[in-house]
Amino acid sequence: MSTKLGAIQFDELSNLIDSLRATKKEFNRQELHLILESAFIRGREKNDIPLVDGKSYADTEDLGDFLYKLGLISRIHDDGKEFTHFTNDPDLYRSMENKKNHITWSIHPAYRKFLNIH
C-alpha cells in the first residue's frame, strides 16, 4: 500500500503501523527500536526498506522519527497528561536526550484500540 499524506510518504505505512499492534502504549527509544526491528524490519536489508518520507532508509531511528512526524507517537511528560507533538518540537526524536533513552514515547490514544493496546 502506497500512502501519501500531504508531503509524507511511505510505501509500507500500514505494515509499519501494524508492527505496533498489541505492544505497550509507552516506551523509550530503545524499546521502540526493538519493536520496529522485530516486527517491521524482520531481518531485511536496508535497501529492502522503502524510502521513508522521501529519503533512503538508514536505521530504525528513521522509522521512529517518521512515526513521531505522523503523530502516531508523542512524548508523554512525567505528569502523564501533557504531550509534545512533532509540530511543537520537530527535532525531538533525533535529540541527544532521546538517544540516551530519557524520553518516554506514547502511542496516540486514538490508535490504541485499533492496535489492541490497553
N, C-alpha and C. Protein backbone atom coordinates (compact mmCIF):
# COMPACT_ATOMS: atom_id res chain seq x y z
N MET A 1 0.84 -1.18 0.00
CA MET A 1 0.00 0.00 0.00
C MET A 1 0.88 1.24 0.00
N SER A 2 0.73 2.05 -0.97
CA SER A 2 1.45 3.32 -1.02
C SER A 2 0.55 4.38 -0.41
N THR A 3 1.10 5.11 0.53
CA THR A 3 0.30 6.11 1.22
C THR A 3 0.97 7.46 1.09
N LYS A 4 0.17 8.47 0.81
CA LYS A 4 0.70 9.82 0.74
C LYS A 4 -0.22 10.73 1.55
N LEU A 5 0.32 11.33 2.57
CA LEU A 5 -0.41 12.26 3.42
C LEU A 5 0.25 13.61 3.27
N GLY A 6 -0.24 14.45 2.40
CA GLY A 6 0.43 15.72 2.14
C GLY A 6 1.81 15.42 1.59
N ALA A 7 2.84 15.88 2.28
CA ALA A 7 4.21 15.65 1.84
C ALA A 7 4.80 14.38 2.45
N ILE A 8 4.02 13.67 3.28
CA ILE A 8 4.51 12.47 3.95
C ILE A 8 4.21 11.27 3.09
N GLN A 9 5.23 10.40 2.91
CA GLN A 9 5.07 9.28 2.01
C GLN A 9 5.86 8.08 2.50
N PHE A 10 5.23 6.89 2.45
CA PHE A 10 5.90 5.65 2.82
C PHE A 10 5.10 4.49 2.25
N ASP A 11 5.74 3.66 1.45
CA ASP A 11 5.04 2.58 0.75
C ASP A 11 4.55 1.45 1.65
N GLU A 12 5.09 1.33 2.85
CA GLU A 12 4.68 0.25 3.76
C GLU A 12 4.06 0.81 5.04
N LEU A 13 3.33 1.90 4.92
CA LEU A 13 2.78 2.56 6.11
C LEU A 13 1.88 1.63 6.91
N SER A 14 0.98 0.91 6.26
CA SER A 14 0.07 0.03 7.01
C SER A 14 0.84 -1.05 7.76
N ASN A 15 1.90 -1.59 7.16
CA ASN A 15 2.73 -2.59 7.84
C ASN A 15 3.48 -1.98 9.01
N LEU A 16 3.96 -0.75 8.84
CA LEU A 16 4.67 -0.06 9.92
C LEU A 16 3.74 0.17 11.10
N ILE A 17 2.55 0.66 10.84
CA ILE A 17 1.58 0.88 11.92
C ILE A 17 1.22 -0.44 12.58
N ASP A 18 1.00 -1.47 11.77
CA ASP A 18 0.63 -2.79 12.29
C ASP A 18 1.73 -3.39 13.16
N SER A 19 2.98 -2.99 12.95
CA SER A 19 4.08 -3.53 13.75
C SER A 19 3.96 -3.11 15.22
N LEU A 20 3.14 -2.10 15.49
CA LEU A 20 2.93 -1.65 16.87
C LEU A 20 1.77 -2.37 17.54
N ARG A 21 1.06 -3.23 16.80
CA ARG A 21 -0.12 -3.93 17.32
C ARG A 21 0.24 -4.78 18.54
N ALA A 22 -0.62 -4.67 19.57
CA ALA A 22 -0.51 -5.46 20.80
C ALA A 22 0.84 -5.28 21.51
N THR A 23 1.42 -4.09 21.38
CA THR A 23 2.65 -3.79 22.12
C THR A 23 2.25 -2.96 23.34
N LYS A 24 3.18 -2.20 23.87
CA LYS A 24 2.90 -1.34 25.01
C LYS A 24 2.41 0.02 24.52
N LYS A 25 1.76 0.77 25.39
CA LYS A 25 1.33 2.11 24.99
C LYS A 25 2.43 3.14 25.21
N GLU A 26 3.42 2.82 26.06
CA GLU A 26 4.53 3.74 26.32
C GLU A 26 5.86 2.98 26.26
N PHE A 27 6.89 3.67 25.79
CA PHE A 27 8.20 3.04 25.65
C PHE A 27 9.25 4.12 25.45
N ASN A 28 10.51 3.74 25.65
CA ASN A 28 11.60 4.67 25.33
C ASN A 28 12.10 4.35 23.92
N ARG A 29 13.07 5.08 23.47
CA ARG A 29 13.61 4.93 22.12
C ARG A 29 14.11 3.52 21.87
N GLN A 30 14.90 2.99 22.79
CA GLN A 30 15.47 1.66 22.61
C GLN A 30 14.37 0.60 22.49
N GLU A 31 13.36 0.69 23.34
CA GLU A 31 12.25 -0.27 23.29
C GLU A 31 11.50 -0.17 21.96
N LEU A 32 11.26 1.05 21.49
CA LEU A 32 10.58 1.23 20.21
C LEU A 32 11.40 0.65 19.08
N HIS A 33 12.70 0.89 19.09
CA HIS A 33 13.55 0.38 18.02
C HIS A 33 13.58 -1.14 18.01
N LEU A 34 13.55 -1.78 19.18
CA LEU A 34 13.50 -3.24 19.24
C LEU A 34 12.19 -3.76 18.65
N ILE A 35 11.08 -3.08 18.95
CA ILE A 35 9.78 -3.45 18.38
C ILE A 35 9.82 -3.33 16.86
N LEU A 36 10.33 -2.21 16.36
CA LEU A 36 10.39 -1.99 14.92
C LEU A 36 11.31 -3.00 14.24
N GLU A 37 12.41 -3.31 14.89
CA GLU A 37 13.37 -4.28 14.34
C GLU A 37 12.74 -5.67 14.22
N SER A 38 12.04 -6.10 15.27
CA SER A 38 11.49 -7.46 15.26
C SER A 38 10.18 -7.57 14.49
N ALA A 39 9.33 -6.55 14.53
CA ALA A 39 8.00 -6.66 13.93
C ALA A 39 7.89 -6.04 12.54
N PHE A 40 8.78 -5.11 12.20
CA PHE A 40 8.70 -4.48 10.88
C PHE A 40 9.90 -4.83 9.99
N ILE A 41 11.10 -4.60 10.47
CA ILE A 41 12.30 -4.88 9.66
C ILE A 41 12.45 -6.38 9.42
N ARG A 42 12.33 -7.17 10.49
CA ARG A 42 12.37 -8.64 10.42
C ARG A 42 13.55 -9.17 9.61
N GLY A 43 14.74 -8.61 9.85
CA GLY A 43 15.95 -9.12 9.21
C GLY A 43 16.18 -8.67 7.78
N ARG A 44 15.32 -7.81 7.26
CA ARG A 44 15.51 -7.34 5.88
C ARG A 44 16.73 -6.43 5.78
N GLU A 45 17.31 -6.38 4.62
CA GLU A 45 18.43 -5.48 4.35
C GLU A 45 17.91 -4.05 4.21
N LYS A 46 18.78 -3.08 4.44
CA LYS A 46 18.39 -1.67 4.36
C LYS A 46 17.77 -1.32 3.01
N ASN A 47 18.35 -1.85 1.95
CA ASN A 47 17.84 -1.50 0.62
C ASN A 47 16.50 -2.17 0.30
N ASP A 48 16.03 -3.07 1.18
CA ASP A 48 14.71 -3.68 1.01
C ASP A 48 13.60 -2.87 1.68
N ILE A 49 13.99 -1.85 2.44
CA ILE A 49 13.02 -0.98 3.11
C ILE A 49 12.77 0.21 2.18
N PRO A 50 11.49 0.53 1.93
CA PRO A 50 11.21 1.66 1.02
C PRO A 50 11.68 3.00 1.57
N LEU A 51 11.70 3.99 0.71
CA LEU A 51 12.04 5.34 1.13
C LEU A 51 11.15 5.77 2.29
N VAL A 52 11.73 6.42 3.27
CA VAL A 52 10.99 6.91 4.42
C VAL A 52 10.87 8.43 4.26
N ASP A 53 9.69 8.87 3.93
CA ASP A 53 9.43 10.29 3.71
C ASP A 53 10.39 10.89 2.69
N GLY A 54 10.62 10.13 1.61
CA GLY A 54 11.44 10.61 0.50
C GLY A 54 12.93 10.39 0.65
N LYS A 55 13.37 9.75 1.76
CA LYS A 55 14.81 9.54 1.98
C LYS A 55 15.10 8.06 2.13
N SER A 56 16.29 7.65 1.71
CA SER A 56 16.70 6.26 1.85
C SER A 56 16.73 5.87 3.32
N TYR A 57 16.24 4.67 3.61
CA TYR A 57 16.22 4.16 4.97
C TYR A 57 17.65 3.89 5.44
N ALA A 58 17.98 4.37 6.64
CA ALA A 58 19.31 4.13 7.22
C ALA A 58 19.23 3.21 8.43
N ASP A 59 18.30 3.50 9.35
CA ASP A 59 18.14 2.66 10.54
C ASP A 59 16.79 2.92 11.18
N THR A 60 16.52 2.22 12.29
CA THR A 60 15.21 2.32 12.93
C THR A 60 14.91 3.73 13.45
N GLU A 61 15.92 4.54 13.65
CA GLU A 61 15.67 5.93 14.06
C GLU A 61 14.83 6.65 12.99
N ASP A 62 15.06 6.34 11.72
CA ASP A 62 14.26 6.94 10.65
C ASP A 62 12.78 6.60 10.82
N LEU A 63 12.49 5.36 11.20
CA LEU A 63 11.10 4.93 11.36
C LEU A 63 10.47 5.56 12.60
N GLY A 64 11.23 5.62 13.70
CA GLY A 64 10.72 6.26 14.91
C GLY A 64 10.42 7.72 14.67
N ASP A 65 11.33 8.41 14.01
CA ASP A 65 11.13 9.82 13.69
C ASP A 65 9.91 9.99 12.79
N PHE A 66 9.72 9.08 11.85
CA PHE A 66 8.57 9.12 10.95
C PHE A 66 7.26 8.92 11.71
N LEU A 67 7.24 7.98 12.65
CA LEU A 67 6.04 7.76 13.48
C LEU A 67 5.71 9.01 14.29
N TYR A 68 6.75 9.68 14.77
CA TYR A 68 6.58 10.94 15.51
C TYR A 68 6.02 12.02 14.59
N LYS A 69 6.56 12.13 13.39
CA LYS A 69 6.09 13.12 12.42
C LYS A 69 4.62 12.89 12.05
N LEU A 70 4.24 11.62 11.93
CA LEU A 70 2.86 11.27 11.59
C LEU A 70 1.88 11.53 12.73
N GLY A 71 2.40 11.60 13.95
CA GLY A 71 1.53 11.79 15.11
C GLY A 71 1.09 10.50 15.76
N LEU A 72 1.64 9.37 15.33
CA LEU A 72 1.31 8.10 15.97
C LEU A 72 1.93 7.99 17.36
N ILE A 73 3.08 8.62 17.54
CA ILE A 73 3.70 8.67 18.87
C ILE A 73 3.99 10.12 19.22
N SER A 74 3.95 10.39 20.51
CA SER A 74 4.30 11.71 21.04
C SER A 74 5.03 11.51 22.35
N ARG A 75 5.78 12.51 22.74
CA ARG A 75 6.44 12.46 24.04
C ARG A 75 5.39 12.68 25.12
N ILE A 76 5.37 11.80 26.10
CA ILE A 76 4.47 11.99 27.24
C ILE A 76 5.32 12.49 28.40
N HIS A 77 4.83 13.51 29.07
CA HIS A 77 5.58 14.12 30.18
C HIS A 77 5.31 13.37 31.47
N ASP A 78 6.11 13.65 32.48
CA ASP A 78 6.03 12.94 33.75
C ASP A 78 4.66 13.02 34.41
N ASP A 79 3.91 14.08 34.14
CA ASP A 79 2.58 14.21 34.75
C ASP A 79 1.55 13.28 34.09
N GLY A 80 1.93 12.65 32.97
CA GLY A 80 1.04 11.72 32.28
C GLY A 80 -0.10 12.39 31.54
N LYS A 81 -0.11 13.70 31.50
CA LYS A 81 -1.21 14.43 30.87
C LYS A 81 -0.76 15.29 29.69
N GLU A 82 0.46 15.79 29.76
CA GLU A 82 0.97 16.67 28.70
C GLU A 82 1.78 15.87 27.69
N PHE A 83 1.68 16.28 26.43
CA PHE A 83 2.39 15.63 25.34
C PHE A 83 3.16 16.67 24.54
N THR A 84 4.27 16.25 23.97
CA THR A 84 4.97 17.08 22.99
C THR A 84 4.78 16.41 21.64
N HIS A 85 4.26 17.16 20.69
CA HIS A 85 3.99 16.64 19.35
C HIS A 85 5.05 17.18 18.38
N PHE A 86 5.13 16.58 17.21
CA PHE A 86 6.10 16.95 16.19
C PHE A 86 6.04 18.44 15.88
N THR A 87 4.86 19.00 15.80
CA THR A 87 4.73 20.42 15.47
C THR A 87 5.31 21.32 16.55
N ASN A 88 5.36 20.82 17.80
CA ASN A 88 5.94 21.59 18.91
C ASN A 88 7.46 21.53 18.92
N ASP A 89 8.02 20.39 18.53
CA ASP A 89 9.48 20.19 18.59
C ASP A 89 9.89 19.15 17.56
N PRO A 90 10.02 19.55 16.29
CA PRO A 90 10.29 18.59 15.21
C PRO A 90 11.63 17.84 15.33
N ASP A 91 12.57 18.36 16.10
CA ASP A 91 13.88 17.71 16.22
C ASP A 91 13.99 16.79 17.43
N LEU A 92 12.92 16.67 18.20
CA LEU A 92 12.98 15.94 19.47
C LEU A 92 13.38 14.48 19.31
N TYR A 93 12.84 13.80 18.30
CA TYR A 93 13.13 12.36 18.17
C TYR A 93 14.62 12.10 17.93
N ARG A 94 15.28 12.97 17.22
CA ARG A 94 16.70 12.79 16.92
C ARG A 94 17.61 13.50 17.93
N SER A 95 17.04 13.95 19.03
CA SER A 95 17.80 14.69 20.05
C SER A 95 18.70 13.76 20.87
N MET A 96 19.72 14.34 21.49
CA MET A 96 20.61 13.58 22.36
C MET A 96 19.84 13.03 23.55
N GLU A 97 18.89 13.80 24.06
CA GLU A 97 18.06 13.35 25.18
C GLU A 97 17.35 12.04 24.82
N ASN A 98 16.83 11.95 23.61
CA ASN A 98 16.16 10.73 23.17
C ASN A 98 17.16 9.60 22.95
N LYS A 99 18.32 9.92 22.38
CA LYS A 99 19.34 8.89 22.14
C LYS A 99 19.82 8.26 23.44
N LYS A 100 19.70 9.01 24.54
CA LYS A 100 20.08 8.50 25.86
C LYS A 100 18.90 7.80 26.55
N ASN A 101 17.79 7.62 25.82
CA ASN A 101 16.58 6.97 26.33
C ASN A 101 15.96 7.70 27.52
N HIS A 102 16.04 9.03 27.53
CA HIS A 102 15.47 9.83 28.61
C HIS A 102 14.08 10.35 28.29
N ILE A 103 13.52 9.93 27.17
CA ILE A 103 12.18 10.38 26.76
C ILE A 103 11.25 9.19 26.72
N THR A 104 10.05 9.37 27.27
CA THR A 104 9.02 8.34 27.18
C THR A 104 8.07 8.73 26.05
N TRP A 105 7.90 7.79 25.12
CA TRP A 105 7.01 7.98 23.98
C TRP A 105 5.71 7.24 24.23
N SER A 106 4.63 7.79 23.75
CA SER A 106 3.31 7.19 23.95
C SER A 106 2.59 7.10 22.61
N ILE A 107 1.97 5.95 22.36
CA ILE A 107 1.15 5.81 21.16
C ILE A 107 -0.10 6.66 21.35
N HIS A 108 -0.45 7.42 20.34
CA HIS A 108 -1.60 8.32 20.41
C HIS A 108 -2.84 7.53 20.84
N PRO A 109 -3.59 8.05 21.81
CA PRO A 109 -4.77 7.34 22.31
C PRO A 109 -5.77 6.94 21.22
N ALA A 110 -5.88 7.72 20.17
CA ALA A 110 -6.83 7.41 19.09
C ALA A 110 -6.47 6.12 18.36
N TYR A 111 -5.21 5.68 18.41
CA TYR A 111 -4.78 4.46 17.71
C TYR A 111 -4.75 3.24 18.61
N ARG A 112 -4.86 3.41 19.92
CA ARG A 112 -4.67 2.30 20.85
C ARG A 112 -5.69 1.18 20.68
N LYS A 113 -6.96 1.51 20.55
CA LYS A 113 -7.98 0.47 20.39
C LYS A 113 -7.74 -0.30 19.09
N PHE A 114 -7.50 0.42 18.01
CA PHE A 114 -7.22 -0.20 16.71
C PHE A 114 -6.03 -1.15 16.80
N LEU A 115 -5.01 -0.76 17.57
CA LEU A 115 -3.79 -1.56 17.69
C LEU A 115 -3.84 -2.56 18.84
N ASN A 116 -5.00 -2.68 19.49
CA ASN A 116 -5.18 -3.61 20.61
C ASN A 116 -4.17 -3.35 21.72
N ILE A 117 -4.04 -2.09 22.08
CA ILE A 117 -3.13 -1.67 23.15
C ILE A 117 -3.98 -1.11 24.29
N HIS A 118 -3.75 -1.66 25.47
CA HIS A 118 -4.55 -1.24 26.64
C HIS A 118 -3.68 -0.60 27.68
